[in-house]
Amino acid sequence: MRKILVLLCIGVSWVAMAQQNDTALLRSLKVQEVKKYQYVHAFDAKQDTCLLEHIKLNTKAQETYKFTNHACMGYPHSNKVLSTYENDRLVSQSMLSNDKEVFKNRFEYGNGPTPVKQTTLLLETNDTIVTAFEHFYHKRSTREDSTITTRIGPNGTETYVTYFAYDKKKKLLAIRSVDSLGKRVDEVTNTYNAQGKLESTAHATFGQKPTFINTFFMYDQADRVVQTSNTKNRQYVYLYKDNGLLNNVLGYNAKGDLEVETIYNYSYRK
């Protein structure tokens, strides 16, 4: 059950730790499909590239299909996520594991752009989980000050509150989540350079097994991320095509050795 619960909120994510293609650029270039291949340089006997992800996009550059091949990382399974949209909003989502459907999500909206309700049907157990999101915004602004998340499922009710903090320039400084007892669950903090670009992102989780990772960003003259490094002694270098899309990402270990490379291939609408 716990493995499934981790995947319930696919449509909502607070922080993207890895650099991704800009949605507006994907849309303007009429990108229809993105395929990510993994090439492991760490092996002495180098293997062929492995298809890690296959993503299909609609005309608004929204993901309608996402295939993830965990066999590339040594796990004997794959996932598919199928998403549908209405009026540019994600309204339904289903996930298949090894081509067997394991859950369905349905999203409902109020007046804002983010869901106010998510209903999840777990097909393996026929359980239903209903998650309500209550959003609070800054006065005369679309900036979200906090969100109360209430999840009602077979194991009872869980409530979390997420707080958002901004600087005077309206840049997001921190995201903090607490449980119903007021105990911290996780926290993300951002710092910015003199040019207003994101300089670092720190992510901490709390509880019995707390974690912490801080990621630092470097940019080129076109304001694109060209390198990230983190406190886990990992470094990633981002290389781009002439049209601005990612071409490949090089992943280095703590010794500075190239371990894994991600290679991007694209298909375009006419």
C-alpha atoms as a PDB file:
ATOM      1  CA  MET A   1       0.000   0.000   0.000  1.00  0.00           C
ATOM      2  CA  ARG A   2       2.745   2.484   0.875  1.00  0.00           C
ATOM      3  CA  LYS A   3       4.381   2.249  -2.575  1.00  0.00           C
ATOM      4  CA  ILE A   4       1.084   3.238  -4.159  1.00  0.00           C
ATOM      5  CA  LEU A   5       0.474   6.116  -1.770  1.00  0.00           C
ATOM      6  CA  VAL A   6       3.775   7.709  -2.700  1.00  0.00           C
ATOM      7  CA  LEU A   7       2.487   8.008  -6.268  1.00  0.00           C
ATOM      8  CA  LEU A   8      -0.921   9.482  -5.532  1.00  0.00           C
ATOM      9  CA  CYS A   9      -0.130  13.127  -6.258  1.00  0.00           C
ATOM     10  CA  ILE A  10       1.553  12.802  -9.631  1.00  0.00           C
ATOM     11  CA  GLY A  11      -0.245  15.866 -10.920  1.00  0.00           C
ATOM     12  CA  VAL A  12       1.055  18.131  -8.156  1.00  0.00           C
ATOM     13  CA  SER A  13       4.726  18.728  -7.319  1.00  0.00           C
ATOM     14  CA  TRP A  14       6.239  21.551  -5.301  1.00  0.00           C
ATOM     15  CA  VAL A  15       9.848  21.455  -6.430  1.00  0.00           C
ATOM     16  CA  ALA A  16      11.579  20.223  -9.580  1.00  0.00           C
ATOM     17  CA  MET A  17      15.054  19.295  -8.446  1.00  0.00           C
ATOM     18  CA  ALA A  18      16.212  18.367 -11.936  1.00  0.00           C
ATOM     19  CA  GLN A  19      16.449  20.768 -14.839  1.00  0.00           C
ATOM     20  CA  GLN A  20      13.701  20.273 -17.413  1.00  0.00           C
ATOM     21  CA  ASN A  21      12.777  21.804 -20.749  1.00  0.00           C
ATOM     22  CA  ASP A  22      10.738  24.989 -20.502  1.00  0.00           C
ATOM     23  CA  THR A  23       7.061  24.346 -21.253  1.00  0.00           C
ATOM     24  CA  ALA A  24       6.715  27.532 -23.299  1.00  0.00           C
ATOM     25  CA  LEU A  25       9.673  26.497 -25.455  1.00  0.00           C
ATOM     26  CA  LEU A  26       8.251  23.008 -26.001  1.00  0.00           C
ATOM     27  CA  ARG A  27       4.965  24.587 -27.049  1.00  0.00           C
ATOM     28  CA  SER A  28       6.518  27.156 -29.398  1.00  0.00           C
ATOM     29  CA  LEU A  29       8.628  24.486 -31.104  1.00  0.00           C
ATOM     30  CA  LYS A  30       5.590  22.193 -31.444  1.00  0.00           C
ATOM     31  CA  VAL A  31       7.292  19.309 -29.687  1.00  0.00           C
ATOM     32  CA  GLN A  32       5.099  16.216 -29.859  1.00  0.00           C
ATOM     33  CA  GLU A  33       7.228  13.571 -28.175  1.00  0.00           C
ATOM     34  CA  VAL A  34      10.305  13.473 -25.951  1.00  0.00           C
ATOM     35  CA  LYS A  35      12.393  10.347 -25.515  1.00  0.00           C
ATOM     36  CA  LYS A  36      15.066  10.176 -22.844  1.00  0.00           C
ATOM     37  CA  TYR A  37      17.753   7.531 -23.163  1.00  0.00           C
ATOM     38  CA  GLN A  38      20.127   6.507 -20.392  1.00  0.00           C
ATOM     39  CA  TYR A  39      23.726   5.561 -21.120  1.00  0.00           C
ATOM     40  CA  VAL A  40      25.762   4.231 -18.198  1.00  0.00           C
ATOM     41  CA  HIS A  41      29.436   5.190 -18.537  1.00  0.00           C
ATOM     42  CA  ALA A  42      30.414   3.591 -15.217  1.00  0.00           C
ATOM     43  CA  PHE A  43      30.301   0.053 -16.597  1.00  0.00           C
ATOM     44  CA  ASP A  44      33.539  -1.302 -18.045  1.00  0.00           C
ATOM     45  CA  ALA A  45      31.604  -3.097 -20.761  1.00  0.00           C
ATOM     46  CA  LYS A  46      29.414  -0.243 -21.944  1.00  0.00           C
ATOM     47  CA  GLN A  47      25.853  -1.196 -22.831  1.00  0.00           C
ATOM     48  CA  ASP A  48      23.506   0.156 -25.476  1.00  0.00           C
ATOM     49  CA  THR A  49      21.391   3.144 -24.558  1.00  0.00           C
ATOM     50  CA  CYS A  50      18.272   2.267 -22.587  1.00  0.00           C
ATOM     51  CA  LEU A  51      14.962   4.068 -23.150  1.00  0.00           C
ATOM     52  CA  LEU A  52      14.368   5.606 -19.718  1.00  0.00           C
ATOM     53  CA  GLU A  53      11.337   7.809 -20.478  1.00  0.00           C
ATOM     54  CA  HIS A  54       8.934   8.352 -23.340  1.00  0.00           C
ATOM     55  CA  ILE A  55       6.669  11.397 -23.038  1.00  0.00           C
ATOM     56  CA  LYS A  56       3.854  12.494 -25.357  1.00  0.00           C
ATOM     57  CA  LEU A  57       2.625  16.100 -25.308  1.00  0.00           C
ATOM     58  CA  ASN A  58      -0.531  17.795 -26.514  1.00  0.00           C
ATOM     59  CA  THR A  59      -0.506  21.119 -28.381  1.00  0.00           C
ATOM     60  CA  LYS A  60      -0.237  22.986 -25.042  1.00  0.00           C
ATOM     61  CA  ALA A  61       2.895  20.967 -24.139  1.00  0.00           C
ATOM     62  CA  GLN A  62       1.017  19.136 -21.381  1.00  0.00           C
ATOM     63  CA  GLU A  63       1.959  15.506 -20.731  1.00  0.00           C
ATOM     64  CA  THR A  64      -0.726  13.097 -21.919  1.00  0.00           C
ATOM     65  CA  TYR A  65       1.442   9.975 -21.759  1.00  0.00           C
ATOM     66  CA  LYS A  66       4.541   9.163 -19.755  1.00  0.00           C
ATOM     67  CA  PHE A  67       6.360   5.843 -19.831  1.00  0.00           C
ATOM     68  CA  THR A  68       9.142   5.230 -17.292  1.00  0.00           C
ATOM     69  CA  ASN A  69      11.342   2.165 -17.714  1.00  0.00           C
ATOM     70  CA  HIS A  70      12.758   1.289 -14.292  1.00  0.00           C
ATOM     71  CA  ALA A  71      14.647  -1.607 -15.861  1.00  0.00           C
ATOM     72  CA  CYS A  72      17.211   1.004 -16.931  1.00  0.00           C
ATOM     73  CA  MET A  73      18.006   1.363 -13.223  1.00  0.00           C
ATOM     74  CA  GLY A  74      17.931  -2.344 -12.446  1.00  0.00           C
ATOM     75  CA  TYR A  75      14.300  -2.726 -11.309  1.00  0.00           C
ATOM     76  CA  PRO A  76      12.065  -5.229 -13.155  1.00  0.00           C
ATOM     77  CA  HIS A  77       9.056  -3.013 -13.829  1.00  0.00           C
ATOM     78  CA  SER A  78       7.786  -0.049 -15.811  1.00  0.00           C
ATOM     79  CA  ASN A  79       5.134   2.604 -15.242  1.00  0.00           C
ATOM     80  CA  LYS A  80       2.762   4.405 -17.582  1.00  0.00           C
ATOM     81  CA  VAL A  81       0.810   7.524 -16.645  1.00  0.00           C
ATOM     82  CA  LEU A  82      -2.093   8.579 -18.876  1.00  0.00           C
ATOM     83  CA  SER A  83      -3.492  12.089 -18.366  1.00  0.00           C
ATOM     84  CA  THR A  84      -6.467  13.954 -19.800  1.00  0.00           C
ATOM     85  CA  TYR A  85      -7.203  17.687 -19.758  1.00  0.00           C
ATOM     86  CA  GLU A  86     -10.207  19.958 -20.075  1.00  0.00           C
ATOM     87  CA  ASN A  87      -9.824  23.714 -20.555  1.00  0.00           C
ATOM     88  CA  ASP A  88      -6.059  23.320 -19.954  1.00  0.00           C
ATOM     89  CA  ARG A  89      -6.678  21.667 -16.573  1.00  0.00           C
ATOM     90  CA  LEU A  90      -5.638  18.153 -15.599  1.00  0.00           C
ATOM     91  CA  VAL A  91      -8.910  16.339 -14.878  1.00  0.00           C
ATOM     92  CA  SER A  92      -8.057  12.642 -14.820  1.00  0.00           C
ATOM     93  CA  GLN A  93      -5.050  10.414 -14.579  1.00  0.00           C
ATOM     94  CA  SER A  94      -4.406   6.698 -14.476  1.00  0.00           C
ATOM     95  CA  MET A  95      -1.258   4.756 -13.713  1.00  0.00           C
ATOM     96  CA  LEU A  96      -0.264   1.357 -15.002  1.00  0.00           C
ATOM     97  CA  SER A  97       2.526  -0.781 -13.552  1.00  0.00           C
ATOM     98  CA  ASN A  98       3.807  -3.407 -15.980  1.00  0.00           C
ATOM     99  CA  ASP A  99       0.722  -2.620 -18.111  1.00  0.00           C
ATOM    100  CA  LYS A 100      -1.661  -3.361 -15.227  1.00  0.00           C
ATOM    101  CA  GLU A 101      -3.742  -0.385 -14.088  1.00  0.00           C
ATOM    102  CA  VAL A 102      -3.157   0.230 -10.385  1.00  0.00           C
ATOM    103  CA  PHE A 103      -4.961   3.503  -9.688  1.00  0.00           C
ATOM    104  CA  LYS A 104      -7.061   6.296 -11.148  1.00  0.00           C
ATOM    105  CA  ASN A 105      -7.110   9.954 -10.154  1.00  0.00           C
ATOM    106  CA  ARG A 106      -9.899  12.463 -10.715  1.00  0.00           C
ATOM    107  CA  PHE A 107      -9.300  16.184 -10.116  1.00  0.00           C
ATOM    108  CA  GLU A 108     -11.885  18.876  -9.377  1.00  0.00           C
ATOM    109  CA  TYR A 109     -11.360  22.643  -9.456  1.00  0.00           C
ATOM    110  CA  GLY A 110     -12.840  25.814  -8.035  1.00  0.00           C
ATOM    111  CA  ASN A 111     -12.070  29.252  -9.433  1.00  0.00           C
ATOM    112  CA  GLY A 112      -8.294  28.874  -9.248  1.00  0.00           C
ATOM    113  CA  PRO A 113      -5.796  27.007 -11.439  1.00  0.00           C
ATOM    114  CA  THR A 114      -4.990  24.289  -8.891  1.00  0.00           C
ATOM    115  CA  PRO A 115      -7.230  21.356  -7.832  1.00  0.00           C
ATOM    116  CA  VAL A 116      -9.455  21.623  -4.776  1.00  0.00           C
ATOM    117  CA  LYS A 117     -10.239  17.914  -4.689  1.00  0.00           C
ATOM    118  CA  GLN A 118      -8.508  14.715  -5.792  1.00  0.00           C
ATOM    119  CA  THR A 119     -10.279  11.349  -5.737  1.00  0.00           C
ATOM    120  CA  THR A 120      -8.050   8.299  -6.063  1.00  0.00           C
ATOM    121  CA  LEU A 121      -9.307   4.772  -6.697  1.00  0.00           C
ATOM    122  CA  LEU A 122      -6.802   2.053  -5.765  1.00  0.00           C
ATOM    123  CA  LEU A 123      -7.725  -0.781  -8.096  1.00  0.00           C
ATOM    124  CA  GLU A 124      -5.718  -3.479  -6.323  1.00  0.00           C
ATOM    125  CA  THR A 125      -7.658  -3.065  -3.066  1.00  0.00           C
ATOM    126  CA  ASN A 126     -10.736  -1.208  -4.364  1.00  0.00           C
ATOM    127  CA  ASP A 127     -10.087   1.508  -1.772  1.00  0.00           C
ATOM    128  CA  THR A 128     -10.867   5.171  -2.358  1.00  0.00           C
ATOM    129  CA  ILE A 129      -8.814   8.082  -1.065  1.00  0.00           C
ATOM    130  CA  VAL A 130     -10.315  11.575  -1.163  1.00  0.00           C
ATOM    131  CA  THR A 131      -7.915  14.495  -0.818  1.00  0.00           C
ATOM    132  CA  ALA A 132      -9.202  18.054  -0.376  1.00  0.00           C
ATOM    133  CA  PHE A 133      -7.029  21.133  -0.950  1.00  0.00           C
ATOM    134  CA  GLU A 134      -8.012  24.433   0.635  1.00  0.00           C
ATOM    135  CA  HIS A 135      -5.959  27.262  -0.890  1.00  0.00           C
ATOM    136  CA  PHE A 136      -5.367  30.645   0.723  1.00  0.00           C
ATOM    137  CA  TYR A 137      -3.999  33.529  -1.339  1.00  0.00           C
ATOM    138  CA  HIS A 138      -2.302  36.818  -0.542  1.00  0.00           C
ATOM    139  CA  LYS A 139      -4.598  39.843  -0.594  1.00  0.00           C
ATOM    140  CA  ARG A 140      -5.099  41.201  -4.130  1.00  0.00           C
ATOM    141  CA  SER A 141      -2.603  38.660  -5.428  1.00  0.00           C
ATOM    142  CA  THR A 142      -2.454  35.214  -7.009  1.00  0.00           C
ATOM    143  CA  ARG A 143       0.397  34.254  -4.667  1.00  0.00           C
ATOM    144  CA  GLU A 144      -0.567  31.333  -2.494  1.00  0.00           C
ATOM    145  CA  ASP A 145       0.071  31.873   1.213  1.00  0.00           C
ATOM    146  CA  SER A 146      -0.893  28.397   2.426  1.00  0.00           C
ATOM    147  CA  THR A 147      -2.713  25.202   1.539  1.00  0.00           C
ATOM    148  CA  ILE A 148      -4.528  22.819   3.863  1.00  0.00           C
ATOM    149  CA  THR A 149      -4.491  19.246   2.559  1.00  0.00           C
ATOM    150  CA  THR A 150      -6.923  16.749   4.096  1.00  0.00           C
ATOM    151  CA  ARG A 151      -6.672  13.129   2.981  1.00  0.00           C
ATOM    152  CA  ILE A 152      -9.394  10.644   3.919  1.00  0.00           C
ATOM    153  CA  GLY A 153      -8.572   7.015   3.175  1.00  0.00           C
ATOM    154  CA  PRO A 154      -8.853   3.483   4.507  1.00  0.00           C
ATOM    155  CA  ASN A 155      -6.306   4.264   7.237  1.00  0.00           C
ATOM    156  CA  GLY A 156      -8.161   7.317   8.524  1.00  0.00           C
ATOM    157  CA  THR A 157      -7.754  11.051   8.032  1.00  0.00           C
ATOM    158  CA  GLU A 158      -4.460  12.905   7.591  1.00  0.00           C
ATOM    159  CA  THR A 159      -4.124  16.682   7.530  1.00  0.00           C
ATOM    160  CA  TYR A 160      -1.143  18.728   6.372  1.00  0.00           C
ATOM    161  CA  VAL A 161      -0.620  22.465   6.101  1.00  0.00           C
ATOM    162  CA  THR A 162       1.815  23.901   3.584  1.00  0.00           C
ATOM    163  CA  TYR A 163       3.078  27.464   4.019  1.00  0.00           C
ATOM    164  CA  PHE A 164       4.652  29.631   1.305  1.00  0.00           C
ATOM    165  CA  ALA A 165       7.018  32.538   2.020  1.00  0.00           C
ATOM    166  CA  TYR A 166       8.131  35.240  -0.445  1.00  0.00           C
ATOM    167  CA  ASP A 167      10.619  38.082  -0.480  1.00  0.00           C
ATOM    168  CA  LYS A 168       9.799  41.713  -1.341  1.00  0.00           C
ATOM    169  CA  LYS A 169      10.294  40.933  -5.031  1.00  0.00           C
ATOM    170  CA  LYS A 170       7.638  38.199  -4.783  1.00  0.00           C
ATOM    171  CA  LYS A 171      10.171  35.412  -5.277  1.00  0.00           C
ATOM    172  CA  LEU A 172       9.422  32.169  -3.502  1.00  0.00           C
ATOM    173  CA  LEU A 173      11.739  31.797  -0.509  1.00  0.00           C
ATOM    174  CA  ALA A 174      10.389  28.773   1.313  1.00  0.00           C
ATOM    175  CA  ILE A 175       7.771  26.035   1.334  1.00  0.00           C
ATOM    176  CA  ARG A 176       7.113  24.386   4.701  1.00  0.00           C
ATOM    177  CA  SER A 177       4.729  21.526   5.476  1.00  0.00           C
ATOM    178  CA  VAL A 178       3.505  20.414   8.918  1.00  0.00           C
ATOM    179  CA  ASP A 179       1.182  17.619   9.998  1.00  0.00           C
ATOM    180  CA  SER A 180      -1.984  17.866  12.090  1.00  0.00           C
ATOM    181  CA  LEU A 181       0.103  17.989  15.280  1.00  0.00           C
ATOM    182  CA  GLY A 182       2.183  20.896  13.981  1.00  0.00           C
ATOM    183  CA  LYS A 183       5.290  18.751  13.445  1.00  0.00           C
ATOM    184  CA  ARG A 184       7.443  19.576  10.428  1.00  0.00           C
ATOM    185  CA  VAL A 185       7.169  17.129   7.527  1.00  0.00           C
ATOM    186  CA  ASP A 186       9.408  18.746   4.946  1.00  0.00           C
ATOM    187  CA  GLU A 187      10.852  22.110   3.976  1.00  0.00           C
ATOM    188  CA  VAL A 188      12.249  23.674   0.822  1.00  0.00           C
ATOM    189  CA  THR A 189      14.226  26.923   0.902  1.00  0.00           C
ATOM    190  CA  ASN A 190      15.471  28.931  -2.075  1.00  0.00           C
ATOM    191  CA  THR A 191      18.221  31.533  -2.409  1.00  0.00           C
ATOM    192  CA  TYR A 192      18.744  33.891  -5.349  1.00  0.00           C
ATOM    193  CA  ASN A 193      21.750  35.654  -6.864  1.00  0.00           C
ATOM    194  CA  ALA A 194      22.109  39.365  -7.580  1.00  0.00           C
ATOM    195  CA  GLN A 195      20.452  38.894 -10.977  1.00  0.00           C
ATOM    196  CA  GLY A 196      17.404  37.287  -9.369  1.00  0.00           C
ATOM    197  CA  LYS A 197      18.143  33.797 -10.647  1.00  0.00           C
ATOM    198  CA  LEU A 198      17.695  30.770  -8.407  1.00  0.00           C
ATOM    199  CA  GLU A 199      21.096  30.132  -6.811  1.00  0.00           C
ATOM    200  CA  SER A 200      20.359  27.167  -4.564  1.00  0.00           C
ATOM    201  CA  THR A 201      17.510  24.982  -3.354  1.00  0.00           C
ATOM    202  CA  ALA A 202      17.664  23.102  -0.054  1.00  0.00           C
ATOM    203  CA  HIS A 203      15.237  20.260   0.635  1.00  0.00           C
ATOM    204  CA  ALA A 204      14.882  18.736   4.102  1.00  0.00           C
ATOM    205  CA  THR A 205      12.557  16.036   5.394  1.00  0.00           C
ATOM    206  CA  PHE A 206      11.883  15.335   9.060  1.00  0.00           C
ATOM    207  CA  GLY A 207      10.836  12.378  11.163  1.00  0.00           C
ATOM    208  CA  GLN A 208      12.481   9.075  12.011  1.00  0.00           C
ATOM    209  CA  LYS A 209      14.749   9.187   8.947  1.00  0.00           C
ATOM    210  CA  PRO A 210      15.460  12.863   8.237  1.00  0.00           C
ATOM    211  CA  THR A 211      17.160  13.819   4.987  1.00  0.00           C
ATOM    212  CA  PHE A 212      18.801  16.959   3.633  1.00  0.00           C
ATOM    213  CA  ILE A 213      20.124  17.924   0.228  1.00  0.00           C
ATOM    214  CA  ASN A 214      21.206  21.314  -1.092  1.00  0.00           C
ATOM    215  CA  THR A 215      21.430  21.883  -4.851  1.00  0.00           C
ATOM    216  CA  PHE A 216      23.374  24.770  -6.441  1.00  0.00           C
ATOM    217  CA  PHE A 217      22.752  26.179  -9.931  1.00  0.00           C
ATOM    218  CA  MET A 218      25.030  27.792 -12.538  1.00  0.00           C
ATOM    219  CA  TYR A 219      23.784  29.610 -15.665  1.00  0.00           C
ATOM    220  CA  ASP A 220      25.055  30.574 -19.103  1.00  0.00           C
ATOM    221  CA  GLN A 221      24.617  33.946 -20.819  1.00  0.00           C
ATOM    222  CA  ALA A 222      21.202  32.832 -22.059  1.00  0.00           C
ATOM    223  CA  ASP A 223      20.084  32.287 -18.429  1.00  0.00           C
ATOM    224  CA  ARG A 224      19.920  28.522 -18.925  1.00  0.00           C
ATOM    225  CA  VAL A 225      21.045  26.142 -16.194  1.00  0.00           C
ATOM    226  CA  VAL A 226      24.333  24.626 -17.368  1.00  0.00           C
ATOM    227  CA  GLN A 227      25.470  22.932 -14.171  1.00  0.00           C
ATOM    228  CA  THR A 228      24.104  21.768 -10.838  1.00  0.00           C
ATOM    229  CA  SER A 229      25.941  20.336  -7.876  1.00  0.00           C
ATOM    230  CA  ASN A 230      24.631  19.118  -4.547  1.00  0.00           C
ATOM    231  CA  THR A 231      25.686  18.189  -1.060  1.00  0.00           C
ATOM    232  CA  LYS A 232      25.545  14.499  -2.018  1.00  0.00           C
ATOM    233  CA  ASN A 233      28.681  15.212  -4.083  1.00  0.00           C
ATOM    234  CA  ARG A 234      26.832  14.788  -7.351  1.00  0.00           C
ATOM    235  CA  GLN A 235      27.309  17.095 -10.323  1.00  0.00           C
ATOM    236  CA  TYR A 236      25.253  17.436 -13.508  1.00  0.00           C
ATOM    237  CA  VAL A 237      26.176  19.290 -16.705  1.00  0.00           C
ATOM    238  CA  TYR A 238      23.406  20.357 -19.109  1.00  0.00           C
ATOM    239  CA  LEU A 239      24.050  20.685 -22.853  1.00  0.00           C
ATOM    240  CA  TYR A 240      21.529  22.245 -25.248  1.00  0.00           C
ATOM    241  CA  LYS A 241      20.538  22.041 -28.889  1.00  0.00           C
ATOM    242  CA  ASP A 242      20.631  25.137 -31.111  1.00  0.00           C
ATOM    243  CA  ASN A 243      16.868  25.580 -30.612  1.00  0.00           C
ATOM    244  CA  GLY A 244      17.311  25.750 -26.822  1.00  0.00           C
ATOM    245  CA  LEU A 245      16.044  22.279 -25.890  1.00  0.00           C
ATOM    246  CA  LEU A 246      18.116  19.949 -23.742  1.00  0.00           C
ATOM    247  CA  ASN A 247      20.402  17.710 -25.776  1.00  0.00           C
ATOM    248  CA  ASN A 248      22.016  15.654 -23.025  1.00  0.00           C
ATOM    249  CA  VAL A 249      22.750  15.706 -19.299  1.00  0.00           C
ATOM    250  CA  LEU A 250      26.025  14.389 -17.910  1.00  0.00           C
ATOM    251  CA  GLY A 251      26.040  12.997 -14.373  1.00  0.00           C
ATOM    252  CA  TYR A 252      29.314  12.855 -12.417  1.00  0.00           C
ATOM    253  CA  ASN A 253      30.065  11.086  -9.159  1.00  0.00           C
ATOM    254  CA  ALA A 254      31.969  12.427  -6.143  1.00  0.00           C
ATOM    255  CA  LYS A 255      35.302  11.515  -7.753  1.00  0.00           C
ATOM    256  CA  GLY A 256      34.501  13.569 -10.832  1.00  0.00           C
ATOM    257  CA  ASP A 257      33.974  10.505 -13.021  1.00  0.00           C
ATOM    258  CA  LEU A 258      31.242  10.529 -15.648  1.00  0.00           C
ATOM    259  CA  GLU A 259      28.726   7.876 -14.575  1.00  0.00           C
ATOM    260  CA  VAL A 260      25.412   8.346 -16.331  1.00  0.00           C
ATOM    261  CA  GLU A 261      24.367  10.319 -19.396  1.00  0.00           C
ATOM    262  CA  THR A 262      20.790  11.197 -20.345  1.00  0.00           C
ATOM    263  CA  ILE A 263      20.253  11.758 -24.060  1.00  0.00           C
ATOM    264  CA  TYR A 264      17.160  13.580 -25.380  1.00  0.00           C
ATOM    265  CA  ASN A 265      15.432  12.924 -28.711  1.00  0.00           C
ATOM    266  CA  TYR A 266      12.448  14.929 -29.968  1.00  0.00           C
ATOM    267  CA  SER A 267       9.740  14.658 -32.578  1.00  0.00           C
ATOM    268  CA  TYR A 268       7.815  17.710 -33.790  1.00  0.00           C
ATOM    269  CA  ARG A 269       4.381  18.496 -35.163  1.00  0.00           C
ATOM    270  CA  LYS A 270       4.270  19.806 -38.719  1.00  0.00           C
END
